[in-house]
């Protein structure tokens, strides 16, 4: 099917659209703003743009698939952090605190930072996917 943006020597089909006064004024302003004096031509070109842009929907599906993958990965990382935290807490409760605790405070700072960043990433993914 040829798009409506290609020249067609004879247009025989009419499409009627009813607009309120405010809508009509907005359409005329938009048409004039894009350099078009003919409202019909401007509307036809805008609709052709939408028809020609149809492949962008696959990009939306790809983005949602990527968000789902990132969410699964984030869940796995969070689960690993929770398991490590439970093991350390259990060892501390049993009196074996020194045997399982890293002596380097940089490790703890990294874990705390990672957990905070994972929470922020999760929140952003929730915003985008909802």
C-alpha atoms as a PDB file:
ATOM      1  CA  UNK A   1       0.000   0.000   0.000  1.00  0.00           C
ATOM      2  CA  UNK A   2       1.536   3.338  -0.962  1.00  0.00           C
ATOM      3  CA  UNK A   3       1.817   5.861   1.829  1.00  0.00           C
ATOM      4  CA  UNK A   4      -0.171   9.050   1.686  1.00  0.00           C
ATOM      5  CA  UNK A   5       3.026  11.108   1.469  1.00  0.00           C
ATOM      6  CA  UNK A   6       3.689   9.978  -2.122  1.00  0.00           C
ATOM      7  CA  UNK A   7       2.076  12.147  -4.791  1.00  0.00           C
ATOM      8  CA  UNK A   8      -1.208  10.765  -6.053  1.00  0.00           C
ATOM      9  CA  UNK A   9      -2.456  12.449  -9.239  1.00  0.00           C
ATOM     10  CA  UNK A  10      -6.107  11.866  -8.444  1.00  0.00           C
ATOM     11  CA  UNK A  11      -7.546  11.814  -4.956  1.00  0.00           C
ATOM     12  CA  UNK A  12     -11.132  10.629  -5.062  1.00  0.00           C
ATOM     13  CA  UNK A  13     -11.832   9.683  -1.450  1.00  0.00           C
ATOM     14  CA  UNK A  14     -13.063  12.205   1.085  1.00  0.00           C
ATOM     15  CA  UNK A  15     -12.633  11.847   4.830  1.00  0.00           C
ATOM     16  CA  UNK A  16     -14.671  14.213   6.979  1.00  0.00           C
ATOM     17  CA  UNK A  17     -13.564  15.171  10.468  1.00  0.00           C
ATOM     18  CA  UNK A  18     -15.653  17.278  12.825  1.00  0.00           C
ATOM     19  CA  UNK A  19     -13.717  19.672  15.024  1.00  0.00           C
ATOM     20  CA  UNK A  20     -14.677  22.069  17.765  1.00  0.00           C
ATOM     21  CA  UNK A  21     -13.789  25.728  17.265  1.00  0.00           C
ATOM     22  CA  UNK A  22     -10.800  25.313  19.588  1.00  0.00           C
ATOM     23  CA  UNK A  23      -9.584  22.176  17.787  1.00  0.00           C
ATOM     24  CA  UNK A  24      -9.987  23.852  14.397  1.00  0.00           C
ATOM     25  CA  UNK A  25      -8.009  26.888  15.540  1.00  0.00           C
ATOM     26  CA  UNK A  26      -5.269  24.641  16.965  1.00  0.00           C
ATOM     27  CA  UNK A  27      -5.064  22.651  13.720  1.00  0.00           C
ATOM     28  CA  UNK A  28      -4.818  25.816  11.625  1.00  0.00           C
ATOM     29  CA  UNK A  29      -2.142  27.226  13.920  1.00  0.00           C
ATOM     30  CA  UNK A  30      -0.175  23.959  13.729  1.00  0.00           C
ATOM     31  CA  UNK A  31      -0.497  23.821   9.940  1.00  0.00           C
ATOM     32  CA  UNK A  32       0.612  27.435   9.557  1.00  0.00           C
ATOM     33  CA  UNK A  33       3.439  26.852  12.021  1.00  0.00           C
ATOM     34  CA  UNK A  34       4.775  24.065   9.826  1.00  0.00           C
ATOM     35  CA  UNK A  35       4.503  26.202   6.689  1.00  0.00           C
ATOM     36  CA  UNK A  36       1.269  24.767   5.314  1.00  0.00           C
ATOM     37  CA  UNK A  37      -1.624  26.940   4.221  1.00  0.00           C
ATOM     38  CA  UNK A  38      -3.892  24.030   3.263  1.00  0.00           C
ATOM     39  CA  UNK A  39      -5.303  22.345   6.332  1.00  0.00           C
ATOM     40  CA  UNK A  40      -6.211  19.183   4.395  1.00  0.00           C
ATOM     41  CA  UNK A  41      -2.700  18.770   3.060  1.00  0.00           C
ATOM     42  CA  UNK A  42      -1.211  19.330   6.510  1.00  0.00           C
ATOM     43  CA  UNK A  43      -3.559  16.742   8.080  1.00  0.00           C
ATOM     44  CA  UNK A  44      -2.803  14.235   5.305  1.00  0.00           C
ATOM     45  CA  UNK A  45       0.947  14.670   5.853  1.00  0.00           C
ATOM     46  CA  UNK A  46       0.632  14.260   9.641  1.00  0.00           C
ATOM     47  CA  UNK A  47      -1.373  11.055   9.218  1.00  0.00           C
ATOM     48  CA  UNK A  48       1.174   9.795   6.677  1.00  0.00           C
ATOM     49  CA  UNK A  49       3.898  10.454   9.270  1.00  0.00           C
ATOM     50  CA  UNK A  50       2.050   8.256  11.762  1.00  0.00           C
ATOM     51  CA  UNK A  51       1.516   5.498   9.187  1.00  0.00           C
ATOM     52  CA  UNK A  52       5.156   5.617   8.099  1.00  0.00           C
ATOM     53  CA  UNK A  53       6.320   5.519  11.741  1.00  0.00           C
ATOM     54  CA  UNK A  54       4.563   2.206  12.471  1.00  0.00           C
ATOM     55  CA  UNK A  55       7.868   0.262  12.876  1.00  0.00           C
ATOM     56  CA  UNK A  56       8.616   2.243  16.051  1.00  0.00           C
ATOM     57  CA  UNK A  57       6.187  -0.037  17.878  1.00  0.00           C
ATOM     58  CA  UNK A  58       8.719  -2.854  17.574  1.00  0.00           C
ATOM     59  CA  UNK A  59      11.217  -0.593  19.352  1.00  0.00           C
ATOM     60  CA  UNK A  60       8.717  -0.280  22.221  1.00  0.00           C
ATOM     61  CA  UNK A  61       8.456  -4.072  22.398  1.00  0.00           C
ATOM     62  CA  UNK A  62      12.249  -4.375  22.346  1.00  0.00           C
ATOM     63  CA  UNK A  63      12.538  -1.836  25.168  1.00  0.00           C
ATOM     64  CA  UNK A  64       9.957  -3.701  27.266  1.00  0.00           C
ATOM     65  CA  UNK A  65      11.805  -6.974  26.649  1.00  0.00           C
ATOM     66  CA  UNK A  66      15.056  -5.328  27.760  1.00  0.00           C
ATOM     67  CA  UNK A  67      13.384  -3.929  30.888  1.00  0.00           C
ATOM     68  CA  UNK A  68      12.098  -7.412  31.727  1.00  0.00           C
ATOM     69  CA  UNK A  69      15.601  -8.842  31.309  1.00  0.00           C
ATOM     70  CA  UNK A  70      17.110  -6.125  33.488  1.00  0.00           C
ATOM     71  CA  UNK A  71      14.437  -6.695  36.119  1.00  0.00           C
ATOM     72  CA  UNK A  72      15.250 -10.439  36.243  1.00  0.00           C
ATOM     73  CA  UNK A  73      18.955  -9.676  36.538  1.00  0.00           C
ATOM     74  CA  UNK A  74      18.323  -7.100  39.243  1.00  0.00           C
ATOM     75  CA  UNK A  75      16.189  -9.602  41.161  1.00  0.00           C
ATOM     76  CA  UNK A  76      18.983 -12.188  41.029  1.00  0.00           C
ATOM     77  CA  UNK A  77      21.579  -9.680  42.273  1.00  0.00           C
ATOM     78  CA  UNK A  78      19.290  -8.569  45.075  1.00  0.00           C
ATOM     79  CA  UNK A  79      18.671 -12.185  46.052  1.00  0.00           C
ATOM     80  CA  UNK A  80      22.425 -12.831  46.258  1.00  0.00           C
ATOM     81  CA  UNK A  81      22.912  -9.779  48.463  1.00  0.00           C
ATOM     82  CA  UNK A  82      20.093 -10.899  50.751  1.00  0.00           C
ATOM     83  CA  UNK A  83      21.614 -14.389  51.054  1.00  0.00           C
ATOM     84  CA  UNK A  84      24.997 -12.927  51.976  1.00  0.00           C
ATOM     85  CA  UNK A  85      23.403 -10.663  54.559  1.00  0.00           C
ATOM     86  CA  UNK A  86      21.471 -13.572  56.122  1.00  0.00           C
ATOM     87  CA  UNK A  87      24.650 -15.682  56.333  1.00  0.00           C
ATOM     88  CA  UNK A  88      26.583 -12.887  58.037  1.00  0.00           C
ATOM     89  CA  UNK A  89      23.737 -12.225  60.480  1.00  0.00           C
ATOM     90  CA  UNK A  90      23.384 -15.937  61.264  1.00  0.00           C
ATOM     91  CA  UNK A  91      27.132 -16.265  61.865  1.00  0.00           C
ATOM     92  CA  UNK A  92      27.123 -13.199  64.093  1.00  0.00           C
ATOM     93  CA  UNK A  93      24.201 -14.590  66.115  1.00  0.00           C
ATOM     94  CA  UNK A  94      26.084 -17.879  66.573  1.00  0.00           C
ATOM     95  CA  UNK A  95      29.165 -16.072  67.865  1.00  0.00           C
ATOM     96  CA  UNK A  96      31.268 -16.652  64.747  1.00  0.00           C
ATOM     97  CA  UNK A  97      31.256 -13.006  63.774  1.00  0.00           C
ATOM     98  CA  UNK A  98      34.996 -12.685  63.115  1.00  0.00           C
ATOM     99  CA  UNK A  99      35.126 -15.759  60.878  1.00  0.00           C
ATOM    100  CA  UNK A 100      32.630 -14.518  58.261  1.00  0.00           C
ATOM    101  CA  UNK A 101      32.972 -10.763  58.425  1.00  0.00           C
ATOM    102  CA  UNK A 102      35.307  -9.124  55.933  1.00  0.00           C
ATOM    103  CA  UNK A 103      37.911  -7.113  57.806  1.00  0.00           C
ATOM    104  CA  UNK A 104      38.152  -4.507  55.059  1.00  0.00           C
ATOM    105  CA  UNK A 105      35.563  -1.736  55.500  1.00  0.00           C
ATOM    106  CA  UNK A 106      35.738  -1.037  51.760  1.00  0.00           C
ATOM    107  CA  UNK A 107      33.882  -4.319  51.179  1.00  0.00           C
ATOM    108  CA  UNK A 108      31.053  -3.188  53.448  1.00  0.00           C
ATOM    109  CA  UNK A 109      30.913   0.251  51.872  1.00  0.00           C
ATOM    110  CA  UNK A 110      30.728  -1.397  48.434  1.00  0.00           C
ATOM    111  CA  UNK A 111      27.920  -3.695  49.550  1.00  0.00           C
ATOM    112  CA  UNK A 112      25.952  -0.801  51.047  1.00  0.00           C
ATOM    113  CA  UNK A 113      26.457   1.312  47.919  1.00  0.00           C
ATOM    114  CA  UNK A 114      25.506  -1.597  45.655  1.00  0.00           C
ATOM    115  CA  UNK A 115      22.331  -2.266  47.605  1.00  0.00           C
ATOM    116  CA  UNK A 116      21.356   1.422  47.476  1.00  0.00           C
ATOM    117  CA  UNK A 117      22.055   1.659  43.740  1.00  0.00           C
ATOM    118  CA  UNK A 118      20.092  -1.517  43.039  1.00  0.00           C
ATOM    119  CA  UNK A 119      17.136  -0.004  44.864  1.00  0.00           C
ATOM    120  CA  UNK A 120      17.373   3.145  42.751  1.00  0.00           C
ATOM    121  CA  UNK A 121      17.583   1.105  39.543  1.00  0.00           C
ATOM    122  CA  UNK A 122      14.571  -0.962  40.605  1.00  0.00           C
ATOM    123  CA  UNK A 123      12.591   2.218  41.319  1.00  0.00           C
ATOM    124  CA  UNK A 124      13.467   3.692  37.907  1.00  0.00           C
ATOM    125  CA  UNK A 125      12.501   0.455  36.138  1.00  0.00           C
ATOM    126  CA  UNK A 126       9.172   0.516  37.982  1.00  0.00           C
ATOM    127  CA  UNK A 127       8.574   4.108  36.860  1.00  0.00           C
ATOM    128  CA  UNK A 128       9.310   3.332  33.218  1.00  0.00           C
ATOM    129  CA  UNK A 129       7.376   0.073  33.012  1.00  0.00           C
ATOM    130  CA  UNK A 130       4.224   1.295  34.744  1.00  0.00           C
END
